[in-house]
Amino acid sequence: MPNGRSARRQRFRDGNVFRHIGILNDGNQGTGLPGDNSPKLPLLAFSGDAVSVSGYRLDIDDILIECRSLQGHLEITAHPQSERKIFLFCYTDSFVRLVPDGTDEAYSFVALPGEQPETLRIDDPCEYVSVSIPTALFQKRLSVLLDRPVERSLEFVSFPDGKLEILDILRDQLQVLPATPILRTKMLVASRNESLRNLLVDCFLQLFPNNYLGVLSDDLPTIAPRHVKRALSHIHGNPHRHIAPQVLADLSSVSKRTLQYAFQSVTGQTITDYQRLLRLSGAHEMVVSQVEIPLKAVAEIWGFGSYAAFGQSFKKAYGVSPAEARRGRELGVKGSHREPPASGGTQP
C-alpha cells in the first residue's frame, strides 16, 4: 500500500489475481481488541480462482477505494475487528451471504466486518466498488458532527436493504469519483487538507445505515420544560462538579423520575452521561488551549478519578490521546481549537 497521503490512482488489467491486488487484505491484521495476545487472523481471508479483468484503485489519505470487474469464483471470510470498516457495493445481488443452515441470501450492499465471522460468495461476473475506512476516522468525525464527545460504539448494518435508493446513489458517486474535478482539486491543495476525506466519511455516516443515523438526522428539541432548563442552567454553572439527579430535581420541586425522563427526551442523554460528557468537552478545551497546564492537572480539575481513566475516555471520544491532541495543537495539525461542545446539543 502506498505510504503517501495524497490521492493516487492505480489501474490493474488483464488477469491480475484478485486476492493479490485487492485493498481488502492490505495489512489489516488482528482483532483490534486491547490486550489481545491471541494469534492474529487477517481481516479478510480469500479462496477461489477469481481474477480482476479491469478496474481502478484510489488512495485518499487513509481511505482506500476500488472499483473492479471480477470473473471466476471467490469466497471472502471476514473476521471481527475494530480497526477498519469495509463497504461493498454492486449493481446486482452478487454478494451471497453463506449461513450454516443453508438459507443463503443475496445482497447488493455489505458492511464488514460484523460482530461475528461472515462468509460471502461473489457470483460471476461481478462489478463492485469497495471502500475501506479506519474506525478512528469515524469516531473523530462523529465528535465533530455531534459537537460533543462520542462514547457509544458506531455500528453499521452489515446487510442493509438492497432497495434503499440512497445507497444506489452513493455507489454511483463512488464509481465515478476518479473522473470528478473534486479529486483533481484534492491533488492540487496542501497535503494536510482533509476536506475530501471528511466528505467521504460524512457520506457513510449519514447515508449508510448505522446506529447514529437518527441522532445525525433529527434535530433535538429547542424548547425544554422549565425544570429541564433549570437543571441545565445549574449543570452549566458548575461544569466541574458531578451533581446528583435528586439535587437537580429538588431545584424545581419535581420527582427525580420526572426530571430524568424529561431531561433525556430533550437532550438525548441521561443526566449522568450529560455531565460526564460536558466535563470531558471542558477538559478537551483545556488540553488544546491551555498548554501550560499539565495533563494530570487537567484530569483533576475536571473531576476524573485518575489520569488513566481520563486518557481512556478522551481517546474514545476524540480518537486521539490527550497528549496527541496537545501535540497536534502545538504543530497546528490536529486537535485545533474549537468552541466547547454543547453536550446533547441543548444549552439553558
Protein backbone atom coordinates (compact mmCIF):
# COMPACT_ATOMS: atom_id res chain seq x y z
CA MET A 1 0.00 0.00 0.00
CA PRO A 2 1.41 3.41 -0.91
CA ASN A 3 2.73 5.38 2.03
CA GLY A 4 1.99 8.83 0.63
CA ARG A 5 -1.09 10.71 1.85
CA SER A 6 -2.07 12.31 -1.45
CA ALA A 7 -4.71 10.82 -3.70
CA ARG A 8 -3.34 8.27 -6.13
CA ARG A 9 -4.89 6.22 -8.87
CA GLN A 10 -3.67 2.78 -9.87
CA ARG A 11 -5.04 0.65 -12.72
CA PHE A 12 -4.97 -3.13 -12.99
CA ARG A 13 -5.88 -5.02 -16.16
CA ASP A 14 -5.88 -8.47 -17.72
CA GLY A 15 -5.66 -11.40 -15.39
CA ASN A 16 -4.41 -9.95 -12.09
CA VAL A 17 -5.26 -12.38 -9.32
CA PHE A 18 -7.83 -10.66 -7.09
CA ARG A 19 -6.56 -11.71 -3.70
CA HIS A 20 -3.09 -10.39 -4.51
CA ILE A 21 -4.16 -6.91 -5.55
CA GLY A 22 -7.34 -6.18 -3.64
CA ILE A 23 -7.18 -3.49 -0.98
CA LEU A 24 -9.40 -5.68 1.17
CA ASN A 25 -6.41 -7.56 2.61
CA ASP A 26 -3.86 -4.74 2.65
CA GLY A 27 -2.17 -5.10 6.01
CA ASN A 28 -5.37 -5.46 8.03
CA GLN A 29 -4.30 -7.87 10.74
CA GLY A 30 -5.59 -8.80 14.15
CA THR A 31 -8.77 -8.30 16.12
CA GLY A 32 -8.00 -4.74 17.16
CA LEU A 33 -9.00 -5.53 20.76
CA PRO A 34 -6.80 -4.17 23.60
CA GLY A 35 -4.71 -6.79 25.37
CA ASP A 36 -5.45 -9.44 22.77
CA ASN A 37 -2.37 -11.67 22.54
CA SER A 38 -4.06 -14.47 20.61
CA PRO A 39 -2.81 -15.48 17.15
CA LYS A 40 -3.78 -12.80 14.68
CA LEU A 41 -6.25 -13.52 11.89
CA PRO A 42 -6.34 -11.47 8.70
CA LEU A 43 -9.31 -9.14 8.48
CA LEU A 44 -10.44 -10.86 5.28
CA ALA A 45 -9.47 -14.32 4.04
CA PHE A 46 -9.96 -15.34 0.41
CA SER A 47 -10.46 -18.56 -1.51
CA GLY A 48 -11.26 -19.22 -5.16
CA ASP A 49 -9.88 -18.51 -8.61
CA ALA A 50 -11.39 -15.08 -9.34
CA VAL A 51 -9.42 -12.59 -11.40
CA SER A 52 -9.89 -8.87 -11.85
CA VAL A 53 -10.15 -8.02 -15.55
CA SER A 54 -10.36 -4.24 -15.13
CA GLY A 55 -10.73 -1.55 -12.52
CA TYR A 56 -9.07 1.21 -10.55
CA ARG A 57 -7.78 1.92 -7.06
CA LEU A 58 -7.75 5.24 -5.17
CA ASP A 59 -5.85 6.12 -2.01
CA ILE A 60 -7.30 9.23 -0.36
CA ASP A 61 -5.29 9.66 2.82
CA ASP A 62 -6.30 6.65 4.95
CA ILE A 63 -9.34 5.79 2.81
CA LEU A 64 -8.93 3.12 0.13
CA ILE A 65 -11.39 2.76 -2.76
CA GLU A 66 -11.52 0.18 -5.56
CA CYS A 67 -13.85 -0.43 -8.45
CA ARG A 68 -13.42 -3.81 -10.19
CA SER A 69 -14.94 -6.28 -12.58
CA LEU A 70 -14.38 -9.87 -11.45
CA GLN A 71 -14.54 -13.16 -13.30
CA GLY A 72 -14.39 -16.55 -11.65
CA HIS A 73 -15.34 -17.75 -8.18
CA LEU A 74 -14.48 -16.03 -4.92
CA GLU A 75 -15.35 -16.51 -1.25
CA ILE A 76 -14.48 -13.94 1.43
CA THR A 77 -14.45 -14.64 5.16
CA ALA A 78 -14.48 -11.56 7.41
CA HIS A 79 -13.19 -11.77 10.98
CA PRO A 80 -14.38 -9.33 13.69
CA GLN A 81 -12.00 -6.45 14.47
CA SER A 82 -12.22 -2.78 15.32
CA GLU A 83 -9.58 -1.09 13.17
CA ARG A 84 -11.38 -0.70 9.83
CA LYS A 85 -14.77 -0.90 8.17
CA ILE A 86 -15.09 -2.20 4.62
CA PHE A 87 -18.11 -1.46 2.44
CA LEU A 88 -19.02 -3.40 -0.71
CA PHE A 89 -21.39 -2.19 -3.44
CA CYS A 90 -22.50 -3.96 -6.62
CA TYR A 91 -25.16 -3.46 -9.29
CA THR A 92 -26.80 -6.85 -8.87
CA ASP A 93 -27.33 -9.06 -5.82
CA SER A 94 -23.89 -10.59 -6.29
CA PHE A 95 -22.84 -10.83 -2.63
CA VAL A 96 -24.23 -14.10 -1.29
CA ARG A 97 -24.15 -14.49 2.48
CA LEU A 98 -23.36 -18.10 3.38
CA VAL A 99 -25.12 -19.19 6.59
CA PRO A 100 -24.87 -22.54 8.41
CA ASP A 101 -28.49 -23.55 7.88
CA GLY A 102 -28.12 -23.26 4.12
CA THR A 103 -30.56 -20.36 3.66
CA ASP A 104 -28.11 -18.26 1.65
CA GLU A 105 -29.20 -14.70 0.91
CA ALA A 106 -28.01 -12.34 -1.83
CA TYR A 107 -27.25 -8.65 -1.25
CA SER A 108 -26.14 -5.60 -3.21
CA PHE A 109 -24.60 -3.77 -0.24
CA VAL A 110 -22.45 -5.12 2.61
CA ALA A 111 -20.56 -3.63 5.57
CA LEU A 112 -17.75 -5.76 7.04
CA PRO A 113 -16.71 -6.96 9.50
CA GLY A 114 -19.62 -7.54 11.86
CA GLU A 115 -19.76 -8.85 15.40
CA GLN A 116 -19.26 -12.42 14.21
CA PRO A 117 -17.38 -14.06 11.32
CA GLU A 118 -19.17 -13.81 7.98
CA THR A 119 -18.53 -15.62 4.71
CA LEU A 120 -19.59 -14.18 1.35
CA ARG A 121 -19.59 -15.73 -2.09
CA ILE A 122 -19.23 -13.35 -5.00
CA ASP A 123 -21.11 -14.57 -8.06
CA ASP A 124 -19.53 -14.45 -11.51
CA PRO A 125 -19.46 -11.98 -13.20
CA CYS A 126 -19.47 -9.12 -10.72
CA GLU A 127 -18.73 -5.41 -10.97
CA TYR A 128 -18.26 -3.93 -7.49
CA VAL A 129 -17.00 -0.92 -5.57
CA SER A 130 -15.22 -1.38 -2.22
CA VAL A 131 -14.31 1.27 0.35
CA SER A 132 -12.04 0.74 3.38
CA ILE A 133 -12.17 3.39 6.15
CA PRO A 134 -10.37 3.38 9.54
CA THR A 135 -12.75 3.25 12.50
CA ALA A 136 -10.80 6.09 14.15
CA LEU A 137 -11.85 8.44 11.33
CA PHE A 138 -15.50 7.70 12.03
CA GLN A 139 -15.02 8.45 15.74
CA LYS A 140 -13.31 11.77 15.01
CA ARG A 141 -15.98 12.92 12.57
CA LEU A 142 -18.83 11.87 14.85
CA SER A 143 -17.46 14.04 17.65
CA VAL A 144 -17.37 16.99 15.22
CA LEU A 145 -20.80 16.40 13.68
CA LEU A 146 -22.47 15.89 17.06
CA ASP A 147 -20.45 18.72 18.62
CA ARG A 148 -19.72 16.58 21.68
CA PRO A 149 -17.61 13.57 22.65
CA VAL A 150 -18.70 10.15 21.43
CA GLU A 151 -18.77 7.18 23.79
CA ARG A 152 -21.22 4.73 22.20
CA SER A 153 -19.61 2.49 19.57
CA LEU A 154 -20.55 3.08 15.95
CA GLU A 155 -22.23 0.05 14.37
CA PHE A 156 -23.14 -0.20 10.69
CA VAL A 157 -25.85 -2.53 9.45
CA SER A 158 -23.92 -5.40 7.88
CA PHE A 159 -26.57 -6.35 5.30
CA PRO A 160 -28.85 -3.35 4.61
CA ASP A 161 -31.97 -3.37 2.47
CA GLY A 162 -30.97 -3.51 -1.19
CA LYS A 163 -33.92 -1.28 -2.13
CA LEU A 164 -32.51 1.79 -0.41
CA GLU A 165 -32.16 4.34 -3.22
CA ILE A 166 -29.67 6.41 -1.24
CA LEU A 167 -27.18 3.50 -1.33
CA ASP A 168 -27.57 3.29 -5.12
CA ILE A 169 -26.66 6.97 -5.31
CA LEU A 170 -23.68 6.54 -3.00
CA ARG A 171 -22.39 3.61 -5.08
CA ASP A 172 -22.76 5.55 -8.34
CA GLN A 173 -20.89 8.54 -6.94
CA LEU A 174 -18.05 6.33 -5.72
CA GLN A 175 -17.72 4.67 -9.10
CA VAL A 176 -17.24 7.95 -10.96
CA LEU A 177 -15.10 9.60 -8.27
CA PRO A 178 -11.80 9.31 -10.23
CA ALA A 179 -13.26 11.36 -13.09
CA THR A 180 -14.65 14.18 -10.93
CA PRO A 181 -12.97 17.61 -10.69
CA ILE A 182 -13.01 17.40 -6.90
CA LEU A 183 -10.33 14.71 -6.98
CA ARG A 184 -8.06 16.89 -9.10
CA THR A 185 -8.63 19.73 -6.64
CA LYS A 186 -7.61 17.45 -3.79
CA MET A 187 -4.32 16.71 -5.56
CA LEU A 188 -3.59 20.42 -6.02
CA VAL A 189 -4.20 21.64 -2.47
CA ALA A 190 -1.89 21.11 0.50
CA SER A 191 -1.48 17.53 1.69
CA ARG A 192 -2.84 18.46 5.11
CA ASN A 193 -6.22 19.47 3.69
CA GLU A 194 -8.72 16.87 4.89
CA SER A 195 -11.90 18.16 3.20
CA LEU A 196 -12.36 15.33 0.71
CA ARG A 197 -11.58 12.67 3.31
CA ASN A 198 -14.08 14.20 5.71
CA LEU A 199 -16.70 14.41 2.97
CA LEU A 200 -16.37 10.68 2.24
CA VAL A 201 -16.59 9.77 5.93
CA ASP A 202 -19.64 12.01 6.38
CA CYS A 203 -21.36 10.34 3.42
CA PHE A 204 -21.08 6.93 5.05
CA LEU A 205 -22.12 8.24 8.47
CA GLN A 206 -25.24 9.91 7.09
CA LEU A 207 -26.18 7.60 4.21
CA PHE A 208 -25.15 4.02 5.07
CA PRO A 209 -27.49 2.57 7.78
CA ASN A 210 -25.95 2.74 11.27
CA ASN A 211 -26.94 3.28 14.90
CA TYR A 212 -26.17 7.03 14.78
CA LEU A 213 -28.39 7.91 11.82
CA GLY A 214 -31.28 9.07 13.99
CA VAL A 215 -29.05 11.33 16.06
CA LEU A 216 -27.37 12.80 12.99
CA SER A 217 -30.58 13.43 11.05
CA ASP A 218 -33.01 14.58 13.77
CA ASP A 219 -32.83 17.98 15.41
CA LEU A 220 -33.12 17.94 19.19
CA PRO A 221 -35.99 19.93 20.73
CA THR A 222 -35.18 23.62 21.18
CA ILE A 223 -37.87 24.26 23.79
CA ALA A 224 -37.29 22.48 27.09
CA PRO A 225 -39.61 22.25 30.10
CA ARG A 226 -38.84 24.69 32.90
CA HIS A 227 -37.44 22.02 35.25
CA VAL A 228 -35.07 20.78 32.50
CA LYS A 229 -33.91 24.34 31.76
CA ARG A 230 -33.23 24.90 35.44
CA ALA A 231 -31.25 21.65 35.68
CA LEU A 232 -29.24 22.54 32.57
CA SER A 233 -28.52 26.01 33.92
CA HIS A 234 -27.25 24.56 37.20
CA ILE A 235 -25.11 21.95 35.41
CA HIS A 236 -23.52 24.52 33.09
CA GLY A 237 -22.97 26.86 36.02
CA ASN A 238 -20.98 24.13 37.78
CA PRO A 239 -19.35 22.20 34.92
CA HIS A 240 -16.55 20.71 37.04
CA ARG A 241 -18.93 19.07 39.50
CA HIS A 242 -20.99 15.91 39.36
CA ILE A 243 -24.45 16.90 40.64
CA ALA A 244 -26.80 14.14 41.74
CA PRO A 245 -30.09 13.91 39.79
CA GLN A 246 -32.06 14.25 43.04
CA VAL A 247 -30.37 17.58 43.81
CA LEU A 248 -31.31 18.85 40.34
CA ALA A 249 -34.89 17.62 40.75
CA ASP A 250 -35.21 19.40 44.10
CA LEU A 251 -34.40 22.71 42.41
CA SER A 252 -37.80 22.57 40.70
CA SER A 253 -39.70 20.50 43.27
CA VAL A 254 -40.27 17.62 40.86
CA SER A 255 -39.53 13.94 41.31
CA LYS A 256 -36.21 12.52 40.18
CA ARG A 257 -38.00 10.23 37.72
CA THR A 258 -39.94 13.14 36.19
CA LEU A 259 -36.74 15.14 35.66
CA GLN A 260 -34.79 12.18 34.30
CA TYR A 261 -37.49 11.36 31.71
CA ALA A 262 -37.86 14.96 30.54
CA PHE A 263 -34.09 15.55 30.54
CA GLN A 264 -33.40 12.57 28.30
CA SER A 265 -36.27 13.49 25.96
CA VAL A 266 -34.76 16.95 25.45
CA THR A 267 -31.04 16.21 25.38
CA GLY A 268 -30.98 12.60 24.18
CA GLN A 269 -28.79 11.69 27.19
CA THR A 270 -29.16 10.75 30.83
CA ILE A 271 -28.27 13.37 33.42
CA THR A 272 -25.15 11.44 34.41
CA ASP A 273 -23.94 10.98 30.82
CA TYR A 274 -24.62 14.63 30.02
CA GLN A 275 -22.48 15.83 32.91
CA ARG A 276 -19.66 13.40 32.15
CA LEU A 277 -19.51 14.46 28.52
CA LEU A 278 -19.68 18.12 29.49
CA ARG A 279 -16.68 17.64 31.77
CA LEU A 280 -14.89 15.74 29.02
CA SER A 281 -15.51 18.52 26.49
CA GLY A 282 -14.26 21.10 29.00
CA ALA A 283 -11.15 19.02 29.58
CA HIS A 284 -10.59 18.79 25.81
CA GLU A 285 -10.79 22.56 25.54
CA MET A 286 -8.22 22.94 28.32
CA VAL A 287 -5.91 20.34 26.79
CA VAL A 288 -5.66 22.12 23.43
CA SER A 289 -5.90 25.78 24.51
CA GLN A 290 -4.11 25.92 27.88
CA VAL A 291 -0.95 24.01 27.16
CA GLU A 292 0.80 25.35 30.26
CA ILE A 293 -1.47 23.20 32.48
CA PRO A 294 -0.12 19.63 32.94
CA LEU A 295 -2.38 16.91 31.60
CA LYS A 296 -2.65 15.23 35.01
CA ALA A 297 -3.83 18.53 36.44
CA VAL A 298 -6.44 18.79 33.69
CA ALA A 299 -7.80 15.40 34.70
CA GLU A 300 -8.01 16.50 38.36
CA ILE A 301 -9.61 19.87 37.56
CA TRP A 302 -12.40 18.22 35.58
CA GLY A 303 -13.13 15.57 38.16
CA PHE A 304 -11.69 12.42 36.61
CA GLY A 305 -10.63 9.83 39.18
CA SER A 306 -7.27 9.17 37.55
CA TYR A 307 -5.23 10.23 34.56
CA ALA A 308 -5.55 6.73 33.11
CA ALA A 309 -9.36 6.91 33.23
CA PHE A 310 -9.25 10.40 31.73
CA GLY A 311 -6.95 9.31 28.91
CA GLN A 312 -9.11 6.31 28.06
CA SER A 313 -12.32 8.36 27.97
CA PHE A 314 -10.63 11.15 25.99
CA LYS A 315 -9.29 8.83 23.29
CA LYS A 316 -12.61 7.01 22.98
CA ALA A 317 -14.41 10.30 22.47
CA TYR A 318 -11.93 12.15 20.23
CA GLY A 319 -9.91 9.39 18.57
CA VAL A 320 -6.59 10.66 19.98
CA SER A 321 -4.99 10.70 23.43
CA PRO A 322 -4.75 13.98 25.43
CA ALA A 323 -1.01 14.11 24.70
CA GLU A 324 -1.59 13.61 20.97
CA ALA A 325 -4.28 16.31 20.92
CA ARG A 326 -1.98 18.77 22.66
CA ARG A 327 0.97 17.89 20.43
CA GLY A 328 -1.21 18.29 17.34
CA ARG A 329 -2.38 21.69 18.58
CA GLU A 330 1.21 22.85 19.01
CA LEU A 331 2.06 21.65 15.50
CA GLY A 332 -1.10 23.15 14.05
CA VAL A 333 -2.20 19.83 12.53
CA LYS A 334 -4.55 18.06 14.92
CA GLY A 335 -6.53 18.94 17.99
CA SER A 336 -7.15 22.51 16.78
CA HIS A 337 -9.18 24.83 18.94
CA ARG A 338 -12.94 24.78 18.62
CA GLU A 339 -15.72 26.10 20.84
CA PRO A 340 -16.61 23.80 23.76
CA PRO A 341 -19.28 21.34 22.56
CA ALA A 342 -22.74 21.67 23.99
CA SER A 343 -23.46 18.24 25.42
CA GLY A 344 -26.65 16.90 23.95
CA GLY A 345 -26.96 19.96 21.73
CA THR A 346 -29.11 21.91 24.29
CA GLN A 347 -27.98 24.90 26.30
CA PRO A 348 -30.02 26.54 29.05
